[in-house]
Every structure is written in C-alpha cells, then in structure tokens.
PDB file of N, CA and C in Angstrom:
ATOM      1  N   UNK A   1     137.403 110.013 108.337  1.00  0.00           N
ATOM      2  CA  UNK A   1     136.257 109.919 107.464  1.00  0.00           C
ATOM      3  C   UNK A   1     135.299 108.870 108.021  1.00  0.00           C
ATOM      4  N   UNK A   2     134.023 109.221 108.119  1.00  0.00           N
ATOM      5  CA  UNK A   2     133.038 108.295 108.659  1.00  0.00           C
ATOM      6  C   UNK A   2     132.467 107.412 107.561  1.00  0.00           C
ATOM      7  N   UNK A   3     132.126 106.224 107.948  1.00  0.00           N
ATOM      8  CA  UNK A   3     131.565 105.254 107.011  1.00  0.00           C
ATOM      9  C   UNK A   3     130.047 105.456 106.950  1.00  0.00           C
ATOM     10  N   UNK A   4     129.487 105.502 105.747  1.00  0.00           N
ATOM     11  CA  UNK A   4     128.039 105.633 105.577  1.00  0.00           C
ATOM     12  C   UNK A   4     127.391 104.276 105.808  1.00  0.00           C
ATOM     13  N   UNK A   5     126.480 104.231 106.750  1.00  0.00           N
ATOM     14  CA  UNK A   5     125.816 102.971 107.099  1.00  0.00           C
ATOM     15  C   UNK A   5     124.475 102.791 106.409  1.00  0.00           C
ATOM     16  N   UNK A   6     124.147 103.686 105.496  1.00  0.00           N
ATOM     17  CA  UNK A   6     122.853 103.621 104.830  1.00  0.00           C
ATOM     18  C   UNK A   6     122.635 102.325 104.055  1.00  0.00           C
ATOM     19  N   UNK A   7     123.574 101.869 103.213  1.00  0.00           N
ATOM     20  CA  UNK A   7     123.321 100.614 102.483  1.00  0.00           C
ATOM     21  C   UNK A   7     123.121  99.406 103.404  1.00  0.00           C
ATOM     22  N   UNK A   8     123.864  99.347 104.472  1.00  0.00           N
ATOM     23  CA  UNK A   8     123.692  98.229 105.409  1.00  0.00           C
ATOM     24  C   UNK A   8     122.332  98.313 106.094  1.00  0.00           C
ATOM     25  N   UNK A   9     121.901  99.533 106.422  1.00  0.00           N
ATOM     26  CA  UNK A   9     120.589  99.707 107.041  1.00  0.00           C
ATOM     27  C   UNK A   9     119.475  99.332 106.068  1.00  0.00           C
ATOM     28  N   UNK A  10     119.640  99.679 104.787  1.00  0.00           N
ATOM     29  CA  UNK A  10     118.647  99.302 103.778  1.00  0.00           C
ATOM     30  C   UNK A  10     118.552  97.788 103.673  1.00  0.00           C
ATOM     31  N   UNK A  11     119.685  97.093 103.716  1.00  0.00           N
ATOM     32  CA  UNK A  11     119.658  95.625 103.659  1.00  0.00           C
ATOM     33  C   UNK A  11     118.950  95.043 104.884  1.00  0.00           C
ATOM     34  N   UNK A  12     119.207  95.598 106.072  1.00  0.00           N
ATOM     35  CA  UNK A  12     118.528  95.108 107.274  1.00  0.00           C
ATOM     36  C   UNK A  12     117.026  95.356 107.203  1.00  0.00           C
ATOM     37  N   UNK A  13     116.633  96.538 106.735  1.00  0.00           N
ATOM     38  CA  UNK A  13     115.207  96.836 106.576  1.00  0.00           C
ATOM     39  C   UNK A  13     114.594  95.877 105.560  1.00  0.00           C
ATOM     40  N   UNK A  14     115.301  95.640 104.468  1.00  0.00           N
ATOM     41  CA  UNK A  14     114.801  94.726 103.441  1.00  0.00           C
ATOM     42  C   UNK A  14     114.636  93.313 103.957  1.00  0.00           C
ATOM     43  N   UNK A  15     115.586  92.852 104.748  1.00  0.00           N
ATOM     44  CA  UNK A  15     115.471  91.504 105.313  1.00  0.00           C
ATOM     45  C   UNK A  15     114.295  91.419 106.279  1.00  0.00           C
ATOM     46  N   UNK A  16     114.106  92.476 107.062  1.00  0.00           N
ATOM     47  CA  UNK A  16     112.961  92.507 107.981  1.00  0.00           C
ATOM     48  C   UNK A  16     111.646  92.493 107.217  1.00  0.00           C
ATOM     49  N   UNK A  17     111.564  93.294 106.155  1.00  0.00           N
ATOM     50  CA  UNK A  17     110.360  93.302 105.323  1.00  0.00           C
ATOM     51  C   UNK A  17     110.138  91.944 104.660  1.00  0.00           C
ATOM     52  N   UNK A  18     111.215  91.290 104.266  1.00  0.00           N
ATOM     53  CA  UNK A  18     111.108  89.974 103.640  1.00  0.00           C
ATOM     54  C   UNK A  18     110.514  88.954 104.600  1.00  0.00           C
ATOM     55  N   UNK A  19     111.013  88.934 105.819  1.00  0.00           N
ATOM     56  CA  UNK A  19     110.515  87.983 106.817  1.00  0.00           C
ATOM     57  C   UNK A  19     109.064  88.300 107.180  1.00  0.00           C
ATOM     58  N   UNK A  20     108.776  89.585 107.424  1.00  0.00           N
ATOM     59  CA  UNK A  20     107.413  89.971 107.793  1.00  0.00           C
ATOM     60  C   UNK A  20     106.433  89.684 106.657  1.00  0.00           C
ATOM     61  N   UNK A  21     106.831  89.998 105.439  1.00  0.00           N
ATOM     62  CA  UNK A  21     105.970  89.742 104.288  1.00  0.00           C
ATOM     63  C   UNK A  21     105.747  88.262 104.061  1.00  0.00           C
ATOM     64  N   UNK A  22     106.782  87.474 104.239  1.00  0.00           N
ATOM     65  CA  UNK A  22     106.650  86.023 104.068  1.00  0.00           C
ATOM     66  C   UNK A  22     105.704  85.434 105.106  1.00  0.00           C
ATOM     67  N   UNK A  23     105.823  85.878 106.340  1.00  0.00           N
ATOM     68  CA  UNK A  23     104.917  85.396 107.392  1.00  0.00           C
ATOM     69  C   UNK A  23     103.478  85.786 107.070  1.00  0.00           C
ATOM     70  N   UNK A  24     103.269  87.028 106.607  1.00  0.00           N
ATOM     71  CA  UNK A  24     101.922  87.474 106.267  1.00  0.00           C
ATOM     72  C   UNK A  24     101.345  86.678 105.100  1.00  0.00           C
ATOM     73  N   UNK A  25     102.132  86.498 104.049  1.00  0.00           N
ATOM     74  CA  UNK A  25     101.654  85.753 102.883  1.00  0.00           C
ATOM     75  C   UNK A  25     101.405  84.291 103.257  1.00  0.00           C
ATOM     76  N   UNK A  26     102.248  83.728 104.087  1.00  0.00           N
ATOM     77  CA  UNK A  26     102.045  82.351 104.546  1.00  0.00           C
ATOM     78  C   UNK A  26     100.722  82.226 105.293  1.00  0.00           C
ATOM     79  N   UNK A  27     100.442  83.190 106.172  1.00  0.00           N
ATOM     80  CA  UNK A  27      99.223  83.139 106.979  1.00  0.00           C
ATOM     81  C   UNK A  27      97.971  83.363 106.138  1.00  0.00           C
ATOM     82  N   UNK A  28      98.066  84.169 105.085  1.00  0.00           N
ATOM     83  CA  UNK A  28      96.873  84.490 104.309  1.00  0.00           C
ATOM     84  C   UNK A  28      96.706  83.639 103.054  1.00  0.00           C
ATOM     85  N   UNK A  29      97.803  83.309 102.372  1.00  0.00           N
ATOM     86  CA  UNK A  29      97.697  82.623 101.079  1.00  0.00           C
ATOM     87  C   UNK A  29      98.276  81.219 101.050  1.00  0.00           C
ATOM     88  N   UNK A  30      99.053  80.859 102.043  1.00  0.00           N
ATOM     89  CA  UNK A  30      99.591  79.509 102.083  1.00  0.00           C
ATOM     90  C   UNK A  30     101.082  79.433 101.799  1.00  0.00           C
ATOM     91  N   UNK A  31     101.646  78.242 101.949  1.00  0.00           N
ATOM     92  CA  UNK A  31     103.104  78.091 101.861  1.00  0.00           C
ATOM     93  C   UNK A  31     103.672  78.277 100.451  1.00  0.00           C
ATOM     94  N   UNK A  32     102.950  77.887  99.411  1.00  0.00           N
ATOM     95  CA  UNK A  32     103.478  78.045  98.047  1.00  0.00           C
ATOM     96  C   UNK A  32     103.618  79.519  97.679  1.00  0.00           C
ATOM     97  N   UNK A  33     102.621  80.307  98.023  1.00  0.00           N
ATOM     98  CA  UNK A  33     102.677  81.740  97.724  1.00  0.00           C
ATOM     99  C   UNK A  33     103.735  82.425  98.589  1.00  0.00           C
ATOM    100  N   UNK A  34     103.883  81.967  99.825  1.00  0.00           N
ATOM    101  CA  UNK A  34     104.914  82.526 100.701  1.00  0.00           C
ATOM    102  C   UNK A  34     106.297  82.231 100.142  1.00  0.00           C
ATOM    103  N   UNK A  35     106.468  81.044  99.573  1.00  0.00           N
ATOM    104  CA  UNK A  35     107.752  80.717  98.943  1.00  0.00           C
ATOM    105  C   UNK A  35     108.008  81.618  97.743  1.00  0.00           C
ATOM    106  N   UNK A  36     106.960  81.924  96.990  1.00  0.00           N
ATOM    107  CA  UNK A  36     107.100  82.844  95.866  1.00  0.00           C
ATOM    108  C   UNK A  36     107.479  84.243  96.315  1.00  0.00           C
ATOM    109  N   UNK A  37     106.833  84.733  97.382  1.00  0.00           N
ATOM    110  CA  UNK A  37     107.176  86.053  97.912  1.00  0.00           C
ATOM    111  C   UNK A  37     108.606  86.090  98.413  1.00  0.00           C
ATOM    112  N   UNK A  38     108.988  85.061  99.164  1.00  0.00           N
ATOM    113  CA  UNK A  38     110.341  85.012  99.711  1.00  0.00           C
ATOM    114  C   UNK A  38     111.387  84.960  98.596  1.00  0.00           C
ATOM    115  N   UNK A  39     111.110  84.229  97.542  1.00  0.00           N
ATOM    116  CA  UNK A  39     112.034  84.168  96.411  1.00  0.00           C
ATOM    117  C   UNK A  39     112.140  85.520  95.728  1.00  0.00           C
ATOM    118  N   UNK A  40     111.008  86.184  95.501  1.00  0.00           N
ATOM    119  CA  UNK A  40     111.027  87.514  94.904  1.00  0.00           C
ATOM    120  C   UNK A  40     111.773  88.516  95.771  1.00  0.00           C
ATOM    121  N   UNK A  41     111.556  88.440  97.082  1.00  0.00           N
ATOM    122  CA  UNK A  41     112.253  89.335  98.001  1.00  0.00           C
ATOM    123  C   UNK A  41     113.758  89.062  97.998  1.00  0.00           C
ATOM    124  N   UNK A  42     114.123  87.788  97.954  1.00  0.00           N
ATOM    125  CA  UNK A  42     115.546  87.435  97.892  1.00  0.00           C
ATOM    126  C   UNK A  42     116.196  87.951  96.621  1.00  0.00           C
ATOM    127  N   UNK A  43     115.495  87.818  95.503  1.00  0.00           N
ATOM    128  CA  UNK A  43     116.025  88.345  94.243  1.00  0.00           C
ATOM    129  C   UNK A  43     116.149  89.865  94.283  1.00  0.00           C
ATOM    130  N   UNK A  44     115.194  90.512  94.924  1.00  0.00           N
ATOM    131  CA  UNK A  44     115.229  91.964  95.039  1.00  0.00           C
ATOM    132  C   UNK A  44     116.431  92.425  95.863  1.00  0.00           C
ATOM    133  N   UNK A  45     116.649  91.789  97.001  1.00  0.00           N
ATOM    134  CA  UNK A  45     117.789  92.166  97.841  1.00  0.00           C
ATOM    135  C   UNK A  45     119.112  91.803  97.181  1.00  0.00           C
ATOM    136  N   UNK A  46     119.127  90.699  96.451  1.00  0.00           N
ATOM    137  CA  UNK A  46     120.314  90.305  95.709  1.00  0.00           C
ATOM    138  C   UNK A  46     120.639  91.354  94.636  1.00  0.00           C
ATOM    139  N   UNK A  47     119.617  91.836  93.960  1.00  0.00           N
ATOM    140  CA  UNK A  47     119.799  92.863  92.938  1.00  0.00           C
ATOM    141  C   UNK A  47     120.312  94.160  93.562  1.00  0.00           C
ATOM    142  N   UNK A  48     119.757  94.536  94.720  1.00  0.00           N
ATOM    143  CA  UNK A  48     120.235  95.734  95.413  1.00  0.00           C
ATOM    144  C   UNK A  48     121.692  95.583  95.823  1.00  0.00           C
ATOM    145  N   UNK A  49     122.046  94.397  96.294  1.00  0.00           N
ATOM    146  CA  UNK A  49     123.425  94.145  96.711  1.00  0.00           C
ATOM    147  C   UNK A  49     124.396  94.277  95.531  1.00  0.00           C
ATOM    148  N   UNK A  50     124.013  93.751  94.372  1.00  0.00           N
ATOM    149  CA  UNK A  50     124.912  93.867  93.209  1.00  0.00           C
ATOM    150  C   UNK A  50     125.037  95.317  92.758  1.00  0.00           C
ATOM    151  N   UNK A  51     123.944  96.065  92.844  1.00  0.00           N
ATOM    152  CA  UNK A  51     124.013  97.487  92.495  1.00  0.00           C
ATOM    153  C   UNK A  51     124.912  98.246  93.467  1.00  0.00           C
ATOM    154  N   UNK A  52     124.816  97.909  94.737  1.00  0.00           N
ATOM    155  CA  UNK A  52     125.667  98.547  95.750  1.00  0.00           C
ATOM    156  C   UNK A  52     127.140  98.216  95.510  1.00  0.00           C
ATOM    157  N   UNK A  53     127.432  96.960  95.198  1.00  0.00           N
ATOM    158  CA  UNK A  53     128.820  96.556  94.932  1.00  0.00           C
ATOM    159  C   UNK A  53     129.375  97.267  93.693  1.00  0.00           C
ATOM    160  N   UNK A  54     128.534  97.446  92.684  1.00  0.00           N
ATOM    161  CA  UNK A  54     128.956  98.172  91.495  1.00  0.00           C
ATOM    162  C   UNK A  54     129.289  99.612  91.846  1.00  0.00           C
ATOM    163  N   UNK A  55     128.458 100.232  92.661  1.00  0.00           N
ATOM    164  CA  UNK A  55     128.729 101.607  93.088  1.00  0.00           C
ATOM    165  C   UNK A  55     129.997 101.715  93.920  1.00  0.00           C
ATOM    166  N   UNK A  56     130.237 100.751  94.783  1.00  0.00           N
ATOM    167  CA  UNK A  56     131.459 100.755  95.593  1.00  0.00           C
ATOM    168  C   UNK A  56     132.689 100.582  94.720  1.00  0.00           C
ATOM    169  N   UNK A  57     132.567  99.796  93.654  1.00  0.00           N
ATOM    170  CA  UNK A  57     133.695  99.584  92.748  1.00  0.00           C
ATOM    171  C   UNK A  57     134.027 100.811  91.927  1.00  0.00           C
ATOM    172  N   UNK A  58     133.051 101.670  91.704  1.00  0.00           N
ATOM    173  CA  UNK A  58     133.279 102.883  90.928  1.00  0.00           C
ATOM    174  C   UNK A  58     133.888 104.012  91.746  1.00  0.00           C
ATOM    175  N   UNK A  59     133.834 103.893  93.059  1.00  0.00           N
ATOM    176  CA  UNK A  59     134.349 104.930  93.939  1.00  0.00           C
ATOM    177  C   UNK A  59     135.870 105.050  93.788  1.00  0.00           C
ATOM    178  N   UNK A  60     136.376 106.276  93.578  1.00  0.00           N
ATOM    179  CA  UNK A  60     137.825 106.421  93.428  1.00  0.00           C
ATOM    180  C   UNK A  60     138.562 106.090  94.729  1.00  0.00           C
ATOM    181  N   UNK A  61     139.598 105.321  94.599  1.00  0.00           N
ATOM    182  CA  UNK A  61     140.404 104.937  95.762  1.00  0.00           C
ATOM    183  C   UNK A  61     139.716 103.942  96.664  1.00  0.00           C
ATOM    184  N   UNK A  62     138.726 103.246  96.143  1.00  0.00           N
ATOM    185  CA  UNK A  62     138.005 102.276  96.965  1.00  0.00           C
ATOM    186  C   UNK A  62     138.875 101.059  97.225  1.00  0.00           C
ATOM    187  N   UNK A  63     138.724 100.500  98.403  1.00  0.00           N
ATOM    188  CA  UNK A  63     139.484  99.308  98.752  1.00  0.00           C
ATOM    189  C   UNK A  63     138.966  98.063  98.052  1.00  0.00           C
ATOM    190  N   UNK A  64     137.701  98.087  97.642  1.00  0.00           N
ATOM    191  CA  UNK A  64     137.131  96.922  96.967  1.00  0.00           C
ATOM    192  C   UNK A  64     137.365  97.038  95.465  1.00  0.00           C
ATOM    193  N   UNK A  65     137.931  96.024  94.854  1.00  0.00           N
ATOM    194  CA  UNK A  65     138.172  96.084  93.419  1.00  0.00           C
ATOM    195  C   UNK A  65     136.875  95.959  92.625  1.00  0.00           C
ATOM    196  N   UNK A  66     136.891  96.453  91.415  1.00  0.00           N
ATOM    197  CA  UNK A  66     135.720  96.483  90.548  1.00  0.00           C
ATOM    198  C   UNK A  66     135.369  95.085  90.051  1.00  0.00           C
ATOM    199  N   UNK A  67     136.334  94.290  89.720  1.00  0.00           N
ATOM    200  CA  UNK A  67     136.214  92.904  89.261  1.00  0.00           C
ATOM    201  C   UNK A  67     135.111  92.718  88.235  1.00  0.00           C
ATOM    202  N   UNK A  68     134.312  91.693  88.388  1.00  0.00           N
ATOM    203  CA  UNK A  68     133.284  91.360  87.406  1.00  0.00           C
ATOM    204  C   UNK A  68     131.924  91.919  87.740  1.00  0.00           C
ATOM    205  N   UNK A  69     131.862  92.922  88.587  1.00  0.00           N
ATOM    206  CA  UNK A  69     130.572  93.446  89.005  1.00  0.00           C
ATOM    207  C   UNK A  69     129.768  94.016  87.846  1.00  0.00           C
ATOM    208  N   UNK A  70     130.416  94.669  86.901  1.00  0.00           N
ATOM    209  CA  UNK A  70     129.689  95.271  85.782  1.00  0.00           C
ATOM    210  C   UNK A  70     129.065  94.199  84.905  1.00  0.00           C
ATOM    211  N   UNK A  71     129.792  93.137  84.663  1.00  0.00           N
ATOM    212  CA  UNK A  71     129.252  92.047  83.852  1.00  0.00           C
ATOM    213  C   UNK A  71     128.100  91.378  84.595  1.00  0.00           C
ATOM    214  N   UNK A  72     128.304  91.112  85.861  1.00  0.00           N
ATOM    215  CA  UNK A  72     127.267  90.473  86.643  1.00  0.00           C
ATOM    216  C   UNK A  72     126.048  91.384  86.785  1.00  0.00           C
ATOM    217  N   UNK A  73     126.279  92.691  86.858  1.00  0.00           N
ATOM    218  CA  UNK A  73     125.186  93.652  86.961  1.00  0.00           C
ATOM    219  C   UNK A  73     124.264  93.545  85.751  1.00  0.00           C
ATOM    220  N   UNK A  74     124.839  93.362  84.591  1.00  0.00           N
ATOM    221  CA  UNK A  74     124.013  93.236  83.392  1.00  0.00           C
ATOM    222  C   UNK A  74     123.348  91.856  83.312  1.00  0.00           C
ATOM    223  N   UNK A  75     123.988  90.846  83.859  1.00  0.00           N
ATOM    224  CA  UNK A  75     123.420  89.497  83.828  1.00  0.00           C
ATOM    225  C   UNK A  75     122.347  89.263  84.886  1.00  0.00           C
ATOM    226  N   UNK A  76     122.248  90.161  85.844  1.00  0.00           N
ATOM    227  CA  UNK A  76     121.302  89.931  86.931  1.00  0.00           C
ATOM    228  C   UNK A  76     119.865  89.902  86.440  1.00  0.00           C
ATOM    229  N   UNK A  77     119.566  90.662  85.384  1.00  0.00           N
ATOM    230  CA  UNK A  77     118.200  90.642  84.851  1.00  0.00           C
ATOM    231  C   UNK A  77     117.882  89.294  84.211  1.00  0.00           C
ATOM    232  N   UNK A  78     118.868  88.681  83.586  1.00  0.00           N
ATOM    233  CA  UNK A  78     118.660  87.335  83.055  1.00  0.00           C
ATOM    234  C   UNK A  78     118.438  86.328  84.175  1.00  0.00           C
ATOM    235  N   UNK A  79     119.186  86.484  85.259  1.00  0.00           N
ATOM    236  CA  UNK A  79     119.030  85.589  86.412  1.00  0.00           C
ATOM    237  C   UNK A  79     117.657  85.767  87.038  1.00  0.00           C
ATOM    238  N   UNK A  80     117.222  87.014  87.211  1.00  0.00           N
ATOM    239  CA  UNK A  80     115.910  87.284  87.793  1.00  0.00           C
ATOM    240  C   UNK A  80     114.812  86.749  86.879  1.00  0.00           C
ATOM    241  N   UNK A  81     114.960  86.969  85.574  1.00  0.00           N
ATOM    242  CA  UNK A  81     113.966  86.466  84.627  1.00  0.00           C
ATOM    243  C   UNK A  81     113.881  84.955  84.627  1.00  0.00           C
ATOM    244  N   UNK A  82     115.028  84.287  84.671  1.00  0.00           N
ATOM    245  CA  UNK A  82     115.041  82.822  84.693  1.00  0.00           C
ATOM    246  C   UNK A  82     114.411  82.294  85.981  1.00  0.00           C
ATOM    247  N   UNK A  83     114.725  82.919  87.100  1.00  0.00           N
ATOM    248  CA  UNK A  83     114.140  82.491  88.369  1.00  0.00           C
ATOM    249  C   UNK A  83     112.631  82.706  88.371  1.00  0.00           C
ATOM    250  N   UNK A  84     112.185  83.838  87.852  1.00  0.00           N
ATOM    251  CA  UNK A  84     110.740  84.106  87.791  1.00  0.00           C
ATOM    252  C   UNK A  84     110.042  83.100  86.878  1.00  0.00           C
ATOM    253  N   UNK A  85     110.663  82.745  85.767  1.00  0.00           N
ATOM    254  CA  UNK A  85     110.084  81.760  84.858  1.00  0.00           C
ATOM    255  C   UNK A  85     109.934  80.406  85.553  1.00  0.00           C
ATOM    256  N   UNK A  86     110.967  79.976  86.256  1.00  0.00           N
ATOM    257  CA  UNK A  86     110.910  78.693  86.960  1.00  0.00           C
ATOM    258  C   UNK A  86     109.822  78.719  88.023  1.00  0.00           C
ATOM    259  N   UNK A  87     109.724  79.823  88.756  1.00  0.00           N
ATOM    260  CA  UNK A  87     108.734  79.922  89.822  1.00  0.00           C
ATOM    261  C   UNK A  87     107.316  79.868  89.260  1.00  0.00           C
ATOM    262  N   UNK A  88     107.077  80.630  88.199  1.00  0.00           N
ATOM    263  CA  UNK A  88     105.717  80.743  87.674  1.00  0.00           C
ATOM    264  C   UNK A  88     105.324  79.548  86.814  1.00  0.00           C
ATOM    265  N   UNK A  89     106.184  79.118  85.904  1.00  0.00           N
ATOM    266  CA  UNK A  89     105.811  78.063  84.958  1.00  0.00           C
ATOM    267  C   UNK A  89     106.014  76.655  85.507  1.00  0.00           C
ATOM    268  N   UNK A  90     107.147  76.404  86.131  1.00  0.00           N
ATOM    269  CA  UNK A  90     107.454  75.044  86.566  1.00  0.00           C
ATOM    270  C   UNK A  90     106.848  74.746  87.941  1.00  0.00           C
ATOM    271  N   UNK A  91     107.023  75.660  88.891  1.00  0.00           N
ATOM    272  CA  UNK A  91     106.476  75.433  90.228  1.00  0.00           C
ATOM    273  C   UNK A  91     105.009  75.833  90.337  1.00  0.00           C
ATOM    274  N   UNK A  92     104.490  76.505  89.307  1.00  0.00           N
ATOM    275  CA  UNK A  92     103.090  76.921  89.232  1.00  0.00           C
ATOM    276  C   UNK A  92     102.651  77.765  90.420  1.00  0.00           C
ATOM    277  N   UNK A  93     103.480  78.732  90.768  1.00  0.00           N
ATOM    278  CA  UNK A  93     103.160  79.703  91.806  1.00  0.00           C
ATOM    279  C   UNK A  93     102.717  80.982  91.103  1.00  0.00           C
ATOM    280  N   UNK A  94     101.708  81.630  91.639  1.00  0.00           N
ATOM    281  CA  UNK A  94     101.180  82.851  91.042  1.00  0.00           C
ATOM    282  C   UNK A  94     102.274  83.920  90.951  1.00  0.00           C
ATOM    283  N   UNK A  95     102.192  84.734  89.924  1.00  0.00           N
ATOM    284  CA  UNK A  95     103.214  85.749  89.692  1.00  0.00           C
ATOM    285  C   UNK A  95     103.080  86.928  90.671  1.00  0.00           C
ATOM    286  N   UNK A  96     101.911  87.153  91.233  1.00  0.00           N
ATOM    287  CA  UNK A  96     101.706  88.318  92.093  1.00  0.00           C
ATOM    288  C   UNK A  96     102.560  88.309  93.370  1.00  0.00           C
ATOM    289  N   UNK A  97     102.654  87.203  94.108  1.00  0.00           N
ATOM    290  CA  UNK A  97     103.541  87.222  95.280  1.00  0.00           C
ATOM    291  C   UNK A  97     105.006  87.432  94.898  1.00  0.00           C
ATOM    292  N   UNK A  98     105.410  86.897  93.763  1.00  0.00           N
ATOM    293  CA  UNK A  98     106.792  87.090  93.308  1.00  0.00           C
ATOM    294  C   UNK A  98     107.030  88.563  92.996  1.00  0.00           C
ATOM    295  N   UNK A  99     106.089  89.180  92.287  1.00  0.00           N
ATOM    296  CA  UNK A  99     106.224  90.611  91.981  1.00  0.00           C
ATOM    297  C   UNK A  99     106.208  91.450  93.244  1.00  0.00           C
ATOM    298  N   UNK A 100     105.362  91.103  94.199  1.00  0.00           N
ATOM    299  CA  UNK A 100     105.339  91.833  95.471  1.00  0.00           C
ATOM    300  C   UNK A 100     106.689  91.713  96.180  1.00  0.00           C
ATOM    301  N   UNK A 101     107.274  90.533  96.145  1.00  0.00           N
ATOM    302  CA  UNK A 101     108.585  90.344  96.755  1.00  0.00           C
ATOM    303  C   UNK A 101     109.676  91.143  96.059  1.00  0.00           C
ATOM    304  N   UNK A 102     109.543  91.307  94.740  1.00  0.00           N
ATOM    305  CA  UNK A 102     110.546  92.074  94.006  1.00  0.00           C
ATOM    306  C   UNK A 102     110.550  93.554  94.386  1.00  0.00           C
ATOM    307  N   UNK A 103     109.490  94.029  95.018  1.00  0.00           N
ATOM    308  CA  UNK A 103     109.427  95.424  95.445  1.00  0.00           C
ATOM    309  C   UNK A 103     109.969  95.648  96.860  1.00  0.00           C
ATOM    310  N   UNK A 104     110.509  94.619  97.485  1.00  0.00           N
ATOM    311  CA  UNK A 104     111.001  94.744  98.857  1.00  0.00           C
ATOM    312  C   UNK A 104     112.135  95.761  98.967  1.00  0.00           C
ATOM    313  N   UNK A 105     113.091  95.722  98.060  1.00  0.00           N
ATOM    314  CA  UNK A 105     114.203  96.662  98.173  1.00  0.00           C
ATOM    315  C   UNK A 105     113.745  98.094  97.918  1.00  0.00           C
ATOM    316  N   UNK A 106     112.765  98.300  97.043  1.00  0.00           N
ATOM    317  CA  UNK A 106     112.231  99.651  96.832  1.00  0.00           C
ATOM    318  C   UNK A 106     111.549 100.155  98.098  1.00  0.00           C
ATOM    319  N   UNK A 107     110.791  99.284  98.758  1.00  0.00           N
ATOM    320  CA  UNK A 107     110.154  99.665 100.018  1.00  0.00           C
ATOM    321  C   UNK A 107     111.196  99.953 101.097  1.00  0.00           C
ATOM    322  N   UNK A 108     112.275  99.172 101.113  1.00  0.00           N
ATOM    323  CA  UNK A 108     113.339  99.399 102.098  1.00  0.00           C
ATOM    324  C   UNK A 108     114.013 100.751 101.865  1.00  0.00           C
ATOM    325  N   UNK A 109     114.212 101.117 100.622  1.00  0.00           N
ATOM    326  CA  UNK A 109     114.813 102.423 100.312  1.00  0.00           C
ATOM    327  C   UNK A 109     113.877 103.546 100.756  1.00  0.00           C
ATOM    328  N   UNK A 110     112.587 103.402 100.508  1.00  0.00           N
ATOM    329  CA  UNK A 110     111.638 104.432 100.934  1.00  0.00           C
ATOM    330  C   UNK A 110     111.595 104.568 102.454  1.00  0.00           C
ATOM    331  N   UNK A 111     111.621 103.455 103.157  1.00  0.00           N
ATOM    332  CA  UNK A 111     111.653 103.501 104.622  1.00  0.00           C
ATOM    333  C   UNK A 111     112.937 104.164 105.104  1.00  0.00           C
ATOM    334  N   UNK A 112     114.055 103.877 104.448  1.00  0.00           N
ATOM    335  CA  UNK A 112     115.323 104.516 104.814  1.00  0.00           C
ATOM    336  C   UNK A 112     115.262 106.024 104.574  1.00  0.00           C
ATOM    337  N   UNK A 113     114.646 106.449 103.488  1.00  0.00           N
ATOM    338  CA  UNK A 113     114.493 107.883 103.225  1.00  0.00           C
ATOM    339  C   UNK A 113     113.680 108.535 104.329  1.00  0.00           C
ATOM    340  N   UNK A 114     112.581 107.910 104.719  1.00  0.00           N
ATOM    341  CA  UNK A 114     111.778 108.450 105.817  1.00  0.00           C
ATOM    342  C   UNK A 114     112.555 108.492 107.127  1.00  0.00           C
ATOM    343  N   UNK A 115     113.345 107.458 107.385  1.00  0.00           N
ATOM    344  CA  UNK A 115     114.179 107.429 108.584  1.00  0.00           C
ATOM    345  C   UNK A 115     115.170 108.589 108.584  1.00  0.00           C
ATOM    346  N   UNK A 116     115.812 108.824 107.443  1.00  0.00           N
ATOM    347  CA  UNK A 116     116.787 109.915 107.342  1.00  0.00           C
ATOM    348  C   UNK A 116     116.100 111.270 107.523  1.00  0.00           C
ATOM    349  N   UNK A 117     114.909 111.434 106.977  1.00  0.00           N
ATOM    350  CA  UNK A 117     114.194 112.699 107.124  1.00  0.00           C
ATOM    351  C   UNK A 117     113.813 112.965 108.565  1.00  0.00           C
ATOM    352  N   UNK A 118     113.389 111.908 109.276  1.00  0.00           N
ATOM    353  CA  UNK A 118     112.975 112.074 110.666  1.00  0.00           C
ATOM    354  C   UNK A 118     114.164 112.238 111.591  1.00  0.00           C
ATOM    355  N   UNK A 119     115.236 111.497 111.353  1.00  0.00           N
ATOM    356  CA  UNK A 119     116.363 111.498 112.292  1.00  0.00           C
ATOM    357  C   UNK A 119     117.354 112.629 112.053  1.00  0.00           C
ATOM    358  N   UNK A 120     117.360 113.248 110.880  1.00  0.00           N
ATOM    359  CA  UNK A 120     118.319 114.328 110.642  1.00  0.00           C
ATOM    360  C   UNK A 120     117.813 115.606 111.269  1.00  0.00           C
ATOM    361  N   UNK A 121     118.739 116.347 111.832  1.00  0.00           N
ATOM    362  CA  UNK A 121     118.366 117.587 112.518  1.00  0.00           C
ATOM    363  C   UNK A 121     119.169 118.734 111.973  1.00  0.00           C
TER     364      UNK A 121
END
C-alpha cells in the first residue's frame, strides 16, 4: 500500500506561501504587519495540521491513536480567536494581514488541487 503524500505536500506549499507572503508584506507594509501575516499563516497551518491529525485518527487500523485530537480540534477556534484578539487589540496590528495569513492553508489546498490536475495522467 502506498502512502499518500498530499497532506505533507500541502504543508510544504503552505510554509512556502507563508515565507513568501511574509517577505512581501514586510517589504510593502513593514515589520509589524509582516508579523501579523506570519502569525495568521502559522495559525492557519496549525489548524490544518490538527484537522489532518483528526482525520488520521479516524482511519480504521491507523497506527496513530486518536487521543485528544477531537477535543483539541474543537478548542482550536478558541486558540485562534485568542491569538487574533492579542494581535489586534494588544499589539495593535491591523486585522487584514492576520486574515490574509489565515487563508494560507486554503491557498495551499487550491495549489495542491491544481498540481494534482496537471500531474495526473
């Protein structure tokens, strides 16, 4: 049985988008906004990772145990909300770079879909 490398590829694409986006935001808007984008991107990839772990735990006969992934999956929105609140209210960084960073994993999934469409024969 072959191992599906799609989730790992999505994470690599997401990390690449995070670095590229952070460099772009740093060059155009400055270091505070770049920190906001990078934080949003990190939260986005973290959320994708927890969703992936939850899916792996649901797989029958999976080697990885389910453990507390379901509880953590539900708590991740509280963690993301708390982090966004700290970034926007306490650090006084604009919400737009943070929101843009939160879309990194969605963009990575779309790029992966395009990759699969082009590379499959």
